[in-house]
Amino acid sequence: MISGEIESKVNDGETRIYKAGESRSEPPNSTHPISRNAGKTTPAKLLAVFVVDSDDKALTTPVK
């Protein structure tokens, strides 16, 4: 997290609020049932880095 706060849940894990300076990693094919700005007035900024094999397919899949 660069600034602000994001509320997130990955797969069946616990819902958590990540604050500026914190980081996390996720296993491949993770789902995000919750992913939102946790602040009411402050925008959240994060930096995402994806590490993939060159033969991998699309990084995101729309929820149906």
N, C-alpha and C. Protein backbone atom coordinates (compact mmCIF):
# COMPACT_ATOMS: atom_id res chain seq x y z
N MET A 1 0.84 -1.16 0.00
CA MET A 1 0.00 0.00 0.00
C MET A 1 0.89 1.24 0.00
N ILE A 2 0.55 2.15 -0.86
CA ILE A 2 1.30 3.39 -0.94
C ILE A 2 0.68 4.44 -0.02
N SER A 3 -0.64 4.56 -0.07
CA SER A 3 -1.33 5.50 0.82
C SER A 3 -2.78 5.07 0.99
N GLY A 4 -3.41 5.55 2.03
CA GLY A 4 -4.80 5.22 2.30
C GLY A 4 -4.93 3.82 2.89
N GLU A 5 -6.14 3.28 2.81
CA GLU A 5 -6.43 1.96 3.35
C GLU A 5 -7.35 1.21 2.39
N ILE A 6 -7.14 -0.09 2.26
CA ILE A 6 -7.99 -0.93 1.43
C ILE A 6 -8.47 -2.11 2.27
N GLU A 7 -9.77 -2.36 2.22
CA GLU A 7 -10.34 -3.54 2.86
C GLU A 7 -10.36 -4.65 1.83
N SER A 8 -9.85 -5.81 2.19
CA SER A 8 -9.71 -6.88 1.21
C SER A 8 -9.91 -8.24 1.85
N LYS A 9 -10.45 -9.14 1.05
CA LYS A 9 -10.56 -10.55 1.42
C LYS A 9 -10.08 -11.34 0.21
N VAL A 10 -9.16 -12.25 0.43
CA VAL A 10 -8.65 -13.08 -0.65
C VAL A 10 -9.08 -14.52 -0.40
N ASN A 11 -9.74 -15.10 -1.40
CA ASN A 11 -10.27 -16.47 -1.31
C ASN A 11 -11.16 -16.59 -0.08
N ASP A 12 -10.93 -17.58 0.75
CA ASP A 12 -11.75 -17.79 1.95
C ASP A 12 -11.08 -17.25 3.21
N GLY A 13 -10.05 -16.42 3.04
CA GLY A 13 -9.34 -15.86 4.18
C GLY A 13 -10.16 -14.83 4.92
N GLU A 14 -9.57 -14.28 5.94
CA GLU A 14 -10.26 -13.26 6.74
C GLU A 14 -10.26 -11.92 6.01
N THR A 15 -11.27 -11.12 6.27
CA THR A 15 -11.32 -9.76 5.74
C THR A 15 -10.35 -8.91 6.55
N ARG A 16 -9.55 -8.13 5.86
CA ARG A 16 -8.51 -7.36 6.53
C ARG A 16 -8.38 -5.98 5.92
N ILE A 17 -7.95 -5.02 6.70
CA ILE A 17 -7.67 -3.68 6.20
C ILE A 17 -6.16 -3.52 6.12
N TYR A 18 -5.68 -3.19 4.91
CA TYR A 18 -4.26 -2.95 4.68
C TYR A 18 -4.02 -1.45 4.66
N LYS A 19 -2.98 -1.02 5.37
CA LYS A 19 -2.66 0.41 5.49
C LYS A 19 -1.34 0.71 4.78
N ALA A 20 -1.09 1.99 4.56
CA ALA A 20 0.14 2.43 3.89
C ALA A 20 1.36 1.79 4.55
N GLY A 21 2.25 1.26 3.71
CA GLY A 21 3.47 0.63 4.19
C GLY A 21 3.35 -0.89 4.31
N GLU A 22 2.13 -1.41 4.28
CA GLU A 22 1.95 -2.86 4.39
C GLU A 22 1.94 -3.50 3.00
N SER A 23 2.19 -4.80 2.96
CA SER A 23 2.18 -5.53 1.69
C SER A 23 1.55 -6.89 1.90
N ARG A 24 1.30 -7.57 0.80
CA ARG A 24 0.77 -8.93 0.85
C ARG A 24 1.12 -9.64 -0.44
N SER A 25 1.00 -10.95 -0.43
CA SER A 25 1.15 -11.73 -1.65
C SER A 25 -0.05 -12.67 -1.74
N GLU A 26 -0.30 -13.14 -2.94
CA GLU A 26 -1.46 -14.00 -3.17
C GLU A 26 -1.06 -15.18 -4.04
N PRO A 27 -1.68 -16.34 -3.80
CA PRO A 27 -1.42 -17.49 -4.67
C PRO A 27 -2.08 -17.30 -6.03
N PRO A 28 -1.63 -18.03 -7.04
CA PRO A 28 -2.27 -17.95 -8.36
C PRO A 28 -3.76 -18.30 -8.29
N ASN A 29 -4.53 -17.70 -9.18
CA ASN A 29 -5.97 -17.94 -9.30
C ASN A 29 -6.77 -17.52 -8.08
N SER A 30 -6.29 -16.54 -7.34
CA SER A 30 -7.01 -16.05 -6.18
C SER A 30 -8.26 -15.29 -6.60
N THR A 31 -9.26 -15.31 -5.72
CA THR A 31 -10.45 -14.49 -5.92
C THR A 31 -10.48 -13.40 -4.86
N HIS A 32 -11.19 -12.31 -5.16
CA HIS A 32 -11.28 -11.18 -4.24
C HIS A 32 -12.75 -10.86 -3.98
N PRO A 33 -13.41 -11.63 -3.09
CA PRO A 33 -14.82 -11.34 -2.83
C PRO A 33 -15.03 -9.96 -2.22
N ILE A 34 -14.01 -9.42 -1.56
CA ILE A 34 -14.07 -8.06 -1.03
C ILE A 34 -12.79 -7.34 -1.43
N SER A 35 -12.94 -6.17 -2.01
CA SER A 35 -11.80 -5.34 -2.37
C SER A 35 -12.32 -3.92 -2.56
N ARG A 36 -12.11 -3.07 -1.55
CA ARG A 36 -12.64 -1.72 -1.63
C ARG A 36 -11.82 -0.75 -0.79
N ASN A 37 -11.97 0.52 -1.12
CA ASN A 37 -11.34 1.58 -0.35
C ASN A 37 -11.95 1.59 1.04
N ALA A 38 -11.13 1.51 2.07
CA ALA A 38 -11.64 1.49 3.44
C ALA A 38 -11.82 2.89 4.01
N GLY A 39 -11.27 3.92 3.36
CA GLY A 39 -11.41 5.28 3.85
C GLY A 39 -12.64 5.96 3.28
N LYS A 40 -13.27 6.79 4.09
CA LYS A 40 -14.47 7.49 3.62
C LYS A 40 -14.13 8.75 2.83
N THR A 41 -12.97 9.35 3.09
CA THR A 41 -12.61 10.60 2.41
C THR A 41 -11.25 10.55 1.72
N THR A 42 -10.40 9.60 2.08
CA THR A 42 -9.04 9.54 1.52
C THR A 42 -8.95 8.46 0.45
N PRO A 43 -8.48 8.81 -0.74
CA PRO A 43 -8.30 7.78 -1.76
C PRO A 43 -7.18 6.81 -1.37
N ALA A 44 -7.29 5.59 -1.83
CA ALA A 44 -6.26 4.58 -1.57
C ALA A 44 -5.43 4.40 -2.84
N LYS A 45 -4.13 4.22 -2.65
CA LYS A 45 -3.22 3.95 -3.77
C LYS A 45 -2.40 2.73 -3.43
N LEU A 46 -2.29 1.81 -4.40
CA LEU A 46 -1.46 0.63 -4.19
C LEU A 46 -0.67 0.34 -5.45
N LEU A 47 0.38 -0.38 -5.29
CA LEU A 47 1.23 -0.80 -6.40
C LEU A 47 1.11 -2.31 -6.49
N ALA A 48 0.70 -2.82 -7.66
CA ALA A 48 0.58 -4.26 -7.88
C ALA A 48 1.66 -4.73 -8.83
N VAL A 49 2.31 -5.82 -8.48
CA VAL A 49 3.33 -6.43 -9.32
C VAL A 49 2.88 -7.86 -9.60
N PHE A 50 2.78 -8.22 -10.88
CA PHE A 50 2.38 -9.56 -11.26
C PHE A 50 3.60 -10.31 -11.79
N VAL A 51 3.82 -11.50 -11.28
CA VAL A 51 4.89 -12.36 -11.76
C VAL A 51 4.23 -13.55 -12.43
N VAL A 52 4.43 -13.69 -13.73
CA VAL A 52 3.75 -14.75 -14.49
C VAL A 52 4.72 -15.42 -15.45
N ASP A 53 4.36 -16.63 -15.84
CA ASP A 53 5.10 -17.30 -16.90
C ASP A 53 4.69 -16.68 -18.23
N SER A 54 5.56 -16.72 -19.20
CA SER A 54 5.27 -16.08 -20.49
C SER A 54 4.11 -16.75 -21.23
N ASP A 55 3.79 -17.99 -20.92
CA ASP A 55 2.70 -18.70 -21.60
C ASP A 55 1.37 -18.59 -20.85
N ASP A 56 1.33 -17.84 -19.76
CA ASP A 56 0.09 -17.71 -18.99
C ASP A 56 -0.97 -16.97 -19.78
N LYS A 57 -2.23 -17.22 -19.42
CA LYS A 57 -3.36 -16.55 -20.05
C LYS A 57 -3.62 -15.23 -19.35
N ALA A 58 -4.78 -14.67 -19.57
CA ALA A 58 -5.15 -13.38 -18.99
C ALA A 58 -4.99 -13.39 -17.47
N LEU A 59 -4.60 -12.24 -16.90
CA LEU A 59 -4.38 -12.14 -15.46
C LEU A 59 -5.67 -12.00 -14.67
N THR A 60 -6.72 -11.51 -15.29
CA THR A 60 -7.97 -11.29 -14.58
C THR A 60 -9.12 -12.05 -15.26
N THR A 61 -10.08 -12.41 -14.44
CA THR A 61 -11.26 -13.11 -14.95
C THR A 61 -12.49 -12.44 -14.36
N PRO A 62 -13.43 -11.97 -15.19
CA PRO A 62 -14.63 -11.32 -14.66
C PRO A 62 -15.46 -12.30 -13.83
N VAL A 63 -16.06 -11.79 -12.76
CA VAL A 63 -16.95 -12.61 -11.94
C VAL A 63 -18.27 -12.74 -12.66
N LYS A 64 -18.79 -13.94 -12.73
CA LYS A 64 -20.06 -14.19 -13.44
C LYS A 64 -21.18 -14.41 -12.45
